[in-house]
């Protein structure tokens, strides 16, 4: 799979040598957004996270993907895909909105569950993908003429106007709260429980699909605002601590959950801080290495706890309690990788 940032403008040239073997192309708003933030880290502060999808690069990204499929004569031979529906509990809105992806030329799209897949199948009865794509193929010359304007849109970096100086303090804090809460909500499950892509409640307790791509957006967005002075380290740390209390409350009763507060010293906490405060230097802003390393720390700690429990239990049918102390185990994460040149 080619990184999304590397191919939107040059996609036809990149994929044309593979044309005879090509059977699927796809957009991925989440991965592409993380790529955009990290790649443009030095250019300036990014827009509010909720505004990124309305920026010129996004509409041109989606449109150019379909146009590329038409140009490469993928119609009738392969799939042109579009992105995920990330609100698994809001199926009514998905039924209302997701059909637009087929009307725009897609022949397949991501859904978060078997229920969503069944409901999304209704869109294929309402819209003839063959007719939509056939009409686009008939307008191949017209579609090809859009390439230069699409390239300009794709290269428009989604920066805050005036470097963010027009934003109110409340707007900045709301976005920071949202990013911090979503980041912590995913990290506590990945590092603490070994659970990857899953439903995670947002700041308003709406269940959303979270994965490493959404985590990358949140961590890179905070790192970008830190780098450009929209927020400062003290503000970020205060926010993350305050959101830790929210996440702890949301996970009350969750089996095996390890609270972030009040110690703020577990592997989950350290992983979250590393993703934020080292986000600018982490290669491509990817989260896998940090998550995996701190997950290993959590598992090692759990193994120590199991040993301690064994040494404190009865031995011999509850008669003689072992007095020997559990062995000491030193746990420390391996250092993070050096950033790529």
Protein backbone atom coordinates (compact mmCIF):
# COMPACT_ATOMS: atom_id res chain seq x y z
CA UNK A 1 0.00 0.00 0.00
CA UNK A 2 1.41 3.37 -1.04
CA UNK A 3 1.28 6.19 1.55
CA UNK A 4 -1.65 8.48 0.75
CA UNK A 5 0.44 11.66 0.81
CA UNK A 6 2.77 10.39 -1.90
CA UNK A 7 0.28 9.70 -4.67
CA UNK A 8 -2.74 12.06 -4.93
CA UNK A 9 -1.12 14.43 -7.44
CA UNK A 10 0.99 11.87 -9.31
CA UNK A 11 -1.38 8.92 -8.90
CA UNK A 12 -2.05 8.27 -12.61
CA UNK A 13 1.68 8.28 -13.43
CA UNK A 14 2.43 6.17 -10.38
CA UNK A 15 -0.18 3.54 -11.12
CA UNK A 16 -0.17 3.46 -14.94
CA UNK A 17 2.65 0.84 -15.09
CA UNK A 18 0.45 -1.36 -12.90
CA UNK A 19 -2.69 -0.76 -14.91
CA UNK A 20 -3.09 -4.33 -16.15
CA UNK A 21 -2.81 -5.71 -12.60
CA UNK A 22 -4.72 -2.98 -10.77
CA UNK A 23 -7.99 -4.06 -9.15
CA UNK A 24 -8.57 -1.58 -6.29
CA UNK A 25 -7.88 2.04 -5.42
CA UNK A 26 -9.21 3.81 -2.37
CA UNK A 27 -9.36 7.06 -0.48
CA UNK A 28 -8.73 7.16 3.24
CA UNK A 29 -9.58 10.49 4.85
CA UNK A 30 -8.17 9.44 8.23
CA UNK A 31 -4.78 8.21 7.00
CA UNK A 32 -4.52 11.07 4.51
CA UNK A 33 -5.26 13.67 7.22
CA UNK A 34 -2.50 12.35 9.47
CA UNK A 35 -0.14 12.42 6.48
CA UNK A 36 -1.13 16.00 5.68
CA UNK A 37 -0.53 17.26 9.22
CA UNK A 38 2.86 15.59 9.61
CA UNK A 39 4.10 16.41 6.11
CA UNK A 40 3.10 20.07 6.52
CA UNK A 41 4.24 20.30 10.16
CA UNK A 42 6.64 23.19 9.50
CA UNK A 43 4.27 25.17 7.27
CA UNK A 44 2.13 26.54 10.07
CA UNK A 45 -0.69 25.64 12.48
CA UNK A 46 -3.43 23.41 11.11
CA UNK A 47 -7.12 24.26 10.93
CA UNK A 48 -9.47 23.16 13.68
CA UNK A 49 -9.78 19.40 13.37
CA UNK A 50 -13.48 19.56 12.50
CA UNK A 51 -12.74 21.97 9.64
CA UNK A 52 -10.14 19.79 7.90
CA UNK A 53 -12.76 17.86 5.95
CA UNK A 54 -14.08 21.11 4.48
CA UNK A 55 -10.68 22.26 3.24
CA UNK A 56 -9.92 22.32 -0.54
CA UNK A 57 -7.49 19.41 -0.35
CA UNK A 58 -10.19 17.01 0.83
CA UNK A 59 -12.78 17.49 -1.92
CA UNK A 60 -10.05 17.41 -4.56
CA UNK A 61 -8.55 14.30 -2.97
CA UNK A 62 -11.87 12.45 -3.18
CA UNK A 63 -12.66 13.65 -6.68
CA UNK A 64 -9.22 12.93 -8.08
CA UNK A 65 -9.29 9.36 -6.77
CA UNK A 66 -12.41 8.56 -8.79
CA UNK A 67 -11.06 10.43 -11.82
CA UNK A 68 -7.88 8.38 -11.59
CA UNK A 69 -9.88 5.15 -11.62
CA UNK A 70 -11.70 6.29 -14.74
CA UNK A 71 -8.45 7.37 -16.44
CA UNK A 72 -6.87 4.00 -15.71
CA UNK A 73 -9.91 2.22 -17.17
CA UNK A 74 -10.68 0.56 -13.87
CA UNK A 75 -14.43 0.81 -14.51
CA UNK A 76 -15.85 -2.67 -15.00
CA UNK A 77 -12.56 -4.33 -14.02
CA UNK A 78 -11.83 -3.23 -10.45
CA UNK A 79 -13.11 -1.33 -7.45
CA UNK A 80 -12.99 2.39 -6.72
CA UNK A 81 -13.32 2.73 -2.97
CA UNK A 82 -14.25 5.48 -0.52
CA UNK A 83 -13.77 5.93 3.19
CA UNK A 84 -15.13 4.64 6.48
CA UNK A 85 -18.32 5.57 8.27
CA UNK A 86 -16.89 6.29 11.73
CA UNK A 87 -20.09 6.52 13.83
CA UNK A 88 -21.11 2.88 14.38
CA UNK A 89 -24.16 3.75 16.51
CA UNK A 90 -25.62 6.30 14.09
CA UNK A 91 -26.91 4.02 11.37
CA UNK A 92 -29.81 6.33 10.47
CA UNK A 93 -27.41 9.09 9.42
CA UNK A 94 -25.27 6.57 7.56
CA UNK A 95 -28.29 5.43 5.54
CA UNK A 96 -29.08 9.08 4.73
CA UNK A 97 -25.54 10.15 3.81
CA UNK A 98 -23.36 7.30 2.62
CA UNK A 99 -25.18 6.80 -0.66
CA UNK A 100 -23.50 9.99 -1.86
CA UNK A 101 -20.24 8.05 -2.17
CA UNK A 102 -21.76 5.87 -4.89
CA UNK A 103 -23.28 8.88 -6.64
CA UNK A 104 -19.74 10.35 -6.72
CA UNK A 105 -18.37 7.32 -8.57
CA UNK A 106 -17.35 4.82 -5.89
CA UNK A 107 -18.14 1.15 -6.33
CA UNK A 108 -17.37 0.15 -2.75
CA UNK A 109 -16.88 1.84 0.62
CA UNK A 110 -15.77 1.03 4.15
CA UNK A 111 -18.28 0.33 6.92
CA UNK A 112 -17.64 -0.40 10.64
CA UNK A 113 -19.81 -3.49 11.22
CA UNK A 114 -21.88 -6.27 9.60
CA UNK A 115 -25.03 -4.28 10.44
CA UNK A 116 -23.62 -1.25 8.67
CA UNK A 117 -22.68 -3.41 5.67
CA UNK A 118 -26.24 -4.75 5.41
CA UNK A 119 -27.72 -1.25 5.54
CA UNK A 120 -25.12 0.15 3.13
CA UNK A 121 -26.15 -2.55 0.63
CA UNK A 122 -29.43 -0.63 0.24
CA UNK A 123 -27.51 2.19 -1.43
CA UNK A 124 -26.47 -0.13 -4.25
CA UNK A 125 -30.15 -0.79 -5.00
CA UNK A 126 -30.87 2.93 -5.07
CA UNK A 127 -27.86 3.91 -7.22
CA UNK A 128 -26.55 2.10 -10.29
CA UNK A 129 -22.78 2.19 -9.96
CA UNK A 130 -22.49 0.91 -13.52
CA UNK A 131 -24.49 3.86 -14.86
CA UNK A 132 -22.64 6.45 -12.77
CA UNK A 133 -19.21 5.16 -13.74
CA UNK A 134 -20.27 4.60 -17.34
CA UNK A 135 -21.31 8.24 -17.59
CA UNK A 136 -17.96 9.29 -16.18
CA UNK A 137 -16.07 7.12 -18.65
CA UNK A 138 -18.00 8.77 -21.48
CA UNK A 139 -16.80 12.14 -20.19
CA UNK A 140 -13.16 11.05 -19.92
CA UNK A 141 -11.77 14.10 -21.74
CA UNK A 142 -13.77 16.50 -19.55
CA UNK A 143 -12.66 14.69 -16.40
CA UNK A 144 -9.01 14.72 -17.50
CA UNK A 145 -9.20 18.50 -17.85
CA UNK A 146 -9.85 18.83 -14.10
CA UNK A 147 -6.44 17.45 -13.19
CA UNK A 148 -4.62 20.78 -12.91
CA UNK A 149 -7.25 22.39 -10.68
CA UNK A 150 -7.34 19.25 -8.55
CA UNK A 151 -3.57 19.38 -8.15
CA UNK A 152 -3.79 22.99 -6.99
CA UNK A 153 -6.45 22.04 -4.45
CA UNK A 154 -4.46 19.06 -3.22
CA UNK A 155 -1.42 21.24 -2.67
CA UNK A 156 -3.38 23.82 -0.63
CA UNK A 157 -2.22 23.18 2.94
CA UNK A 158 -5.12 23.40 5.44
CA UNK A 159 -3.63 26.09 7.67
CA UNK A 160 -5.35 28.36 10.15
CA UNK A 161 -5.89 31.88 8.80
CA UNK A 162 -3.53 34.42 10.37
CA UNK A 163 -1.69 31.66 12.18
CA UNK A 164 -4.65 31.03 14.45
CA UNK A 165 -4.69 34.52 15.94
CA UNK A 166 -8.34 34.95 14.99
CA UNK A 167 -9.41 31.93 17.04
CA UNK A 168 -10.94 32.51 20.44
CA UNK A 169 -9.38 30.93 23.51
CA UNK A 170 -12.55 28.86 23.94
CA UNK A 171 -12.37 27.49 20.39
CA UNK A 172 -8.73 26.51 20.87
CA UNK A 173 -9.46 24.83 24.20
CA UNK A 174 -12.45 22.91 22.82
CA UNK A 175 -10.35 21.47 20.01
CA UNK A 176 -7.54 20.62 22.42
CA UNK A 177 -10.02 18.93 24.79
CA UNK A 178 -11.44 16.91 21.92
CA UNK A 179 -8.03 15.78 20.69
CA UNK A 180 -6.75 14.90 24.17
CA UNK A 181 -9.87 12.96 25.15
CA UNK A 182 -9.93 10.95 21.93
CA UNK A 183 -6.22 10.22 22.15
CA UNK A 184 -6.42 8.99 25.74
CA UNK A 185 -9.59 7.00 25.09
CA UNK A 186 -7.83 4.96 22.41
CA UNK A 187 -4.43 4.67 24.11
CA UNK A 188 -5.85 3.24 27.35
CA UNK A 189 -7.42 0.40 25.41
CA UNK A 190 -4.48 -0.27 23.09
CA UNK A 191 -1.72 -0.12 25.71
CA UNK A 192 -3.74 -1.21 28.73
CA UNK A 193 -5.84 -3.97 27.23
CA UNK A 194 -4.39 -4.85 23.85
CA UNK A 195 -7.57 -3.72 22.07
CA UNK A 196 -7.05 -2.02 18.73
CA UNK A 197 -9.78 -0.63 16.47
CA UNK A 198 -12.92 -0.30 18.58
CA UNK A 199 -15.80 1.92 19.61
CA UNK A 200 -14.54 4.64 21.93
CA UNK A 201 -16.81 7.32 23.46
CA UNK A 202 -15.88 10.87 22.50
CA UNK A 203 -16.03 13.95 24.73
CA UNK A 204 -19.85 13.98 24.41
CA UNK A 205 -20.08 10.21 25.04
CA UNK A 206 -20.91 9.47 21.40
CA UNK A 207 -19.42 6.13 20.39
CA UNK A 208 -16.99 6.57 17.49
CA UNK A 209 -14.75 4.14 15.64
CA UNK A 210 -11.18 4.85 16.71
CA UNK A 211 -8.02 3.30 15.32
CA UNK A 212 -4.36 4.18 14.86
CA UNK A 213 -5.28 6.58 12.06
CA UNK A 214 -7.58 8.64 14.29
CA UNK A 215 -4.99 8.51 17.07
CA UNK A 216 -2.38 9.80 14.64
CA UNK A 217 -4.61 12.75 13.70
CA UNK A 218 -5.20 13.73 17.34
CA UNK A 219 -1.57 13.42 18.42
CA UNK A 220 -0.18 15.15 15.33
CA UNK A 221 -2.72 17.96 15.59
CA UNK A 222 -1.70 18.72 19.18
CA UNK A 223 2.00 18.42 18.28
CA UNK A 224 1.47 20.85 15.39
CA UNK A 225 -0.28 23.44 17.58
CA UNK A 226 2.43 23.07 20.21
CA UNK A 227 5.14 23.61 17.61
CA UNK A 228 3.53 26.81 16.34
CA UNK A 229 2.56 28.27 19.70
CA UNK A 230 -1.22 27.99 19.40
CA UNK A 231 -1.03 26.12 22.72
CA UNK A 232 1.80 25.69 25.22
CA UNK A 233 3.14 22.70 27.13
CA UNK A 234 1.55 23.72 30.43
CA UNK A 235 -1.87 24.08 28.79
CA UNK A 236 -1.54 20.73 27.03
CA UNK A 237 -0.50 18.90 30.19
CA UNK A 238 -3.34 20.45 32.19
CA UNK A 239 -5.78 19.46 29.45
CA UNK A 240 -4.52 15.88 29.23
CA UNK A 241 -4.78 15.47 33.01
CA UNK A 242 -8.31 16.88 33.01
CA UNK A 243 -9.33 14.62 30.11
CA UNK A 244 -7.78 11.65 31.94
CA UNK A 245 -10.48 12.03 34.58
CA UNK A 246 -13.12 12.01 31.82
CA UNK A 247 -11.67 8.86 30.25
CA UNK A 248 -11.39 7.13 33.65
CA UNK A 249 -15.08 7.86 34.28
CA UNK A 250 -16.05 6.58 30.83
CA UNK A 251 -14.25 3.30 31.56
CA UNK A 252 -15.71 2.72 35.03
CA UNK A 253 -16.62 -0.94 35.34
CA UNK A 254 -14.48 -1.93 32.36
CA UNK A 255 -12.83 -5.21 33.28
CA UNK A 256 -9.07 -4.90 33.67
CA UNK A 257 -9.06 -1.13 33.20
CA UNK A 258 -6.11 0.72 34.75
CA UNK A 259 -7.06 4.31 35.71
CA UNK A 260 -4.82 7.11 34.50
CA UNK A 261 -5.44 9.29 37.56
CA UNK A 262 -4.34 10.08 40.16
CA UNK A 263 -0.85 8.59 39.68
CA UNK A 264 -0.37 9.72 36.04
CA UNK A 265 2.52 7.27 35.83
CA UNK A 266 1.29 4.16 34.01
CA UNK A 267 2.42 2.97 30.57
CA UNK A 268 -0.79 4.32 29.05
CA UNK A 269 -0.05 7.80 30.39
CA UNK A 270 3.55 7.79 29.21
CA UNK A 271 2.54 6.53 25.75
CA UNK A 272 0.04 9.38 25.40
CA UNK A 273 2.57 12.02 26.41
CA UNK A 274 5.19 10.60 24.06
CA UNK A 275 2.80 10.71 21.11
CA UNK A 276 2.07 14.37 21.84
CA UNK A 277 5.35 15.87 22.97
CA UNK A 278 7.54 13.82 20.61
CA UNK A 279 4.98 13.78 17.81
CA UNK A 280 6.91 16.19 15.63
CA UNK A 281 9.98 13.93 15.65
CA UNK A 282 8.28 10.52 15.38
CA UNK A 283 8.88 9.22 11.82
CA UNK A 284 5.83 10.14 9.74
CA UNK A 285 3.91 10.64 12.97
CA UNK A 286 3.12 6.92 13.03
CA UNK A 287 1.88 5.59 16.37
CA UNK A 288 2.64 1.87 16.10
CA UNK A 289 6.12 1.86 17.62
CA UNK A 290 5.13 3.91 20.66
CA UNK A 291 1.97 1.88 21.28
CA UNK A 292 3.74 -1.46 20.89
CA UNK A 293 6.65 -0.51 23.15
CA UNK A 294 4.44 0.72 26.00
CA UNK A 295 2.09 -2.25 25.53
CA UNK A 296 5.06 -4.52 26.20
CA UNK A 297 5.73 -2.56 29.39
CA UNK A 298 2.12 -3.02 30.53
CA UNK A 299 2.25 -6.76 29.83
CA UNK A 300 5.51 -7.09 31.76
CA UNK A 301 3.94 -5.27 34.71
CA UNK A 302 0.96 -7.62 34.59
CA UNK A 303 3.31 -10.62 34.64
CA UNK A 304 4.99 -9.22 37.76
CA UNK A 305 1.57 -8.76 39.39
CA UNK A 306 0.70 -12.38 38.63
CA UNK A 307 3.94 -13.57 40.21
CA UNK A 308 3.30 -11.45 43.31
CA UNK A 309 -0.19 -12.90 43.63
CA UNK A 310 1.17 -16.43 43.39
CA UNK A 311 3.70 -15.75 46.12
CA UNK A 312 1.05 -14.29 48.41
CA UNK A 313 -1.48 -17.12 48.03
CA UNK A 314 -1.86 -20.20 50.17
CA UNK A 315 0.33 -23.15 49.31
CA UNK A 316 -0.78 -26.62 50.29
CA UNK A 317 -4.53 -26.25 50.54
CA UNK A 318 -4.60 -23.00 52.49
CA UNK A 319 -2.38 -24.04 55.38
CA UNK A 320 1.05 -22.56 54.86
CA UNK A 321 1.31 -19.11 53.34
CA UNK A 322 4.47 -18.50 51.38
CA UNK A 323 6.67 -15.92 53.05
CA UNK A 324 9.24 -15.64 50.30
CA UNK A 325 9.02 -12.23 48.56
CA UNK A 326 8.33 -12.06 44.85
CA UNK A 327 11.39 -11.51 42.67
CA UNK A 328 12.17 -7.96 41.66
CA UNK A 329 11.70 -7.18 38.00
CA UNK A 330 13.07 -4.01 36.45
CA UNK A 331 10.85 -2.62 33.72
CA UNK A 332 11.73 0.21 31.39
CA UNK A 333 10.71 0.88 27.81
CA UNK A 334 13.27 0.71 25.06
CA UNK A 335 14.20 4.14 23.72
CA UNK A 336 12.11 5.52 20.86
CA UNK A 337 13.59 5.29 17.37
CA UNK A 338 15.68 8.11 16.02
CA UNK A 339 13.68 10.29 13.64
CA UNK A 340 14.25 9.77 9.96
CA UNK A 341 16.46 12.32 8.28
